[in-house]
Amino acid sequence: MFRKKEDKRFAEKLVQTSQQGSLISIWVDRQTGVNYIYTWSAQGCTLTPLLDEKGEVIVEQVE
């Protein structure tokens, strides 16, 4: 019913920052394996599934 605090659903995989202060990070849903790309800047933020070269959602094997 309730998860322990250390059982986080999302794991941060990669973080990149730019000189302009924007942020790009990739997050993995530990339950589904779906990869998401998160971008943040002073103008706003976005979160979207990460796609491969064929336009398919990148999904990792879940342990």
Protein backbone atom coordinates (compact mmCIF):
# COMPACT_ATOMS: atom_id res chain seq x y z
CA MET A 1 0.00 0.00 0.00
CA PHE A 2 2.62 2.54 1.07
CA ARG A 3 6.18 2.56 -0.15
CA LYS A 4 9.25 3.08 1.95
CA LYS A 5 10.98 6.41 1.40
CA GLU A 6 14.00 4.70 -0.17
CA ASP A 7 11.80 2.92 -2.76
CA LYS A 8 11.84 5.71 -5.33
CA ARG A 9 9.89 5.11 -8.52
CA PHE A 10 12.11 7.30 -10.72
CA ALA A 11 15.89 7.12 -11.00
CA GLU A 12 17.92 9.98 -12.41
CA LYS A 13 20.18 8.62 -15.14
CA LEU A 14 21.94 11.68 -16.59
CA VAL A 15 22.14 15.41 -15.84
CA GLN A 16 23.54 18.11 -18.11
CA THR A 17 23.63 21.86 -17.54
CA SER A 18 24.44 24.67 -19.93
CA GLN A 19 26.21 27.97 -19.43
CA GLN A 20 22.85 29.73 -19.86
CA GLY A 21 21.55 27.94 -16.75
CA SER A 22 19.26 25.42 -18.42
CA LEU A 23 19.09 21.79 -17.31
CA ILE A 24 18.54 18.54 -19.20
CA SER A 25 18.15 15.25 -17.39
CA ILE A 26 17.05 11.73 -18.21
CA TRP A 27 14.86 9.83 -15.75
CA VAL A 28 13.92 6.15 -15.78
CA ASP A 29 10.61 4.85 -14.39
CA ARG A 30 11.75 1.89 -12.29
CA GLN A 31 8.37 0.16 -12.63
CA THR A 32 7.89 0.40 -16.40
CA GLY A 33 11.44 1.00 -17.67
CA VAL A 34 10.32 4.01 -19.74
CA ASN A 35 12.97 6.74 -20.17
CA TYR A 36 11.90 10.39 -19.91
CA ILE A 37 13.77 13.54 -20.85
CA TYR A 38 13.23 16.53 -18.57
CA THR A 39 14.32 20.02 -19.57
CA TRP A 40 14.25 23.14 -17.43
CA SER A 41 15.07 26.77 -18.18
CA ALA A 42 13.96 30.17 -16.93
CA GLN A 43 11.14 30.09 -19.52
CA GLY A 44 9.63 26.80 -18.25
CA CYS A 45 10.06 23.06 -18.17
CA THR A 46 9.03 19.96 -20.12
CA LEU A 47 8.83 16.22 -19.49
CA THR A 48 8.39 13.79 -22.37
CA PRO A 49 9.20 10.15 -23.15
CA LEU A 50 12.64 9.77 -24.72
CA LEU A 51 12.53 8.43 -28.29
CA ASP A 52 15.07 6.45 -30.31
CA GLU A 53 16.03 7.07 -33.94
CA LYS A 54 12.90 5.22 -35.15
CA GLY A 55 10.58 7.36 -33.03
CA GLU A 56 9.91 4.56 -30.54
CA VAL A 57 9.87 5.12 -26.77
CA ILE A 58 13.09 3.93 -25.11
CA VAL A 59 12.26 1.26 -22.55
CA GLU A 60 14.83 -0.48 -20.36
CA GLN A 61 14.47 -3.94 -18.85
CA VAL A 62 12.99 -3.68 -15.34
CA GLU A 63 14.68 -5.67 -12.59
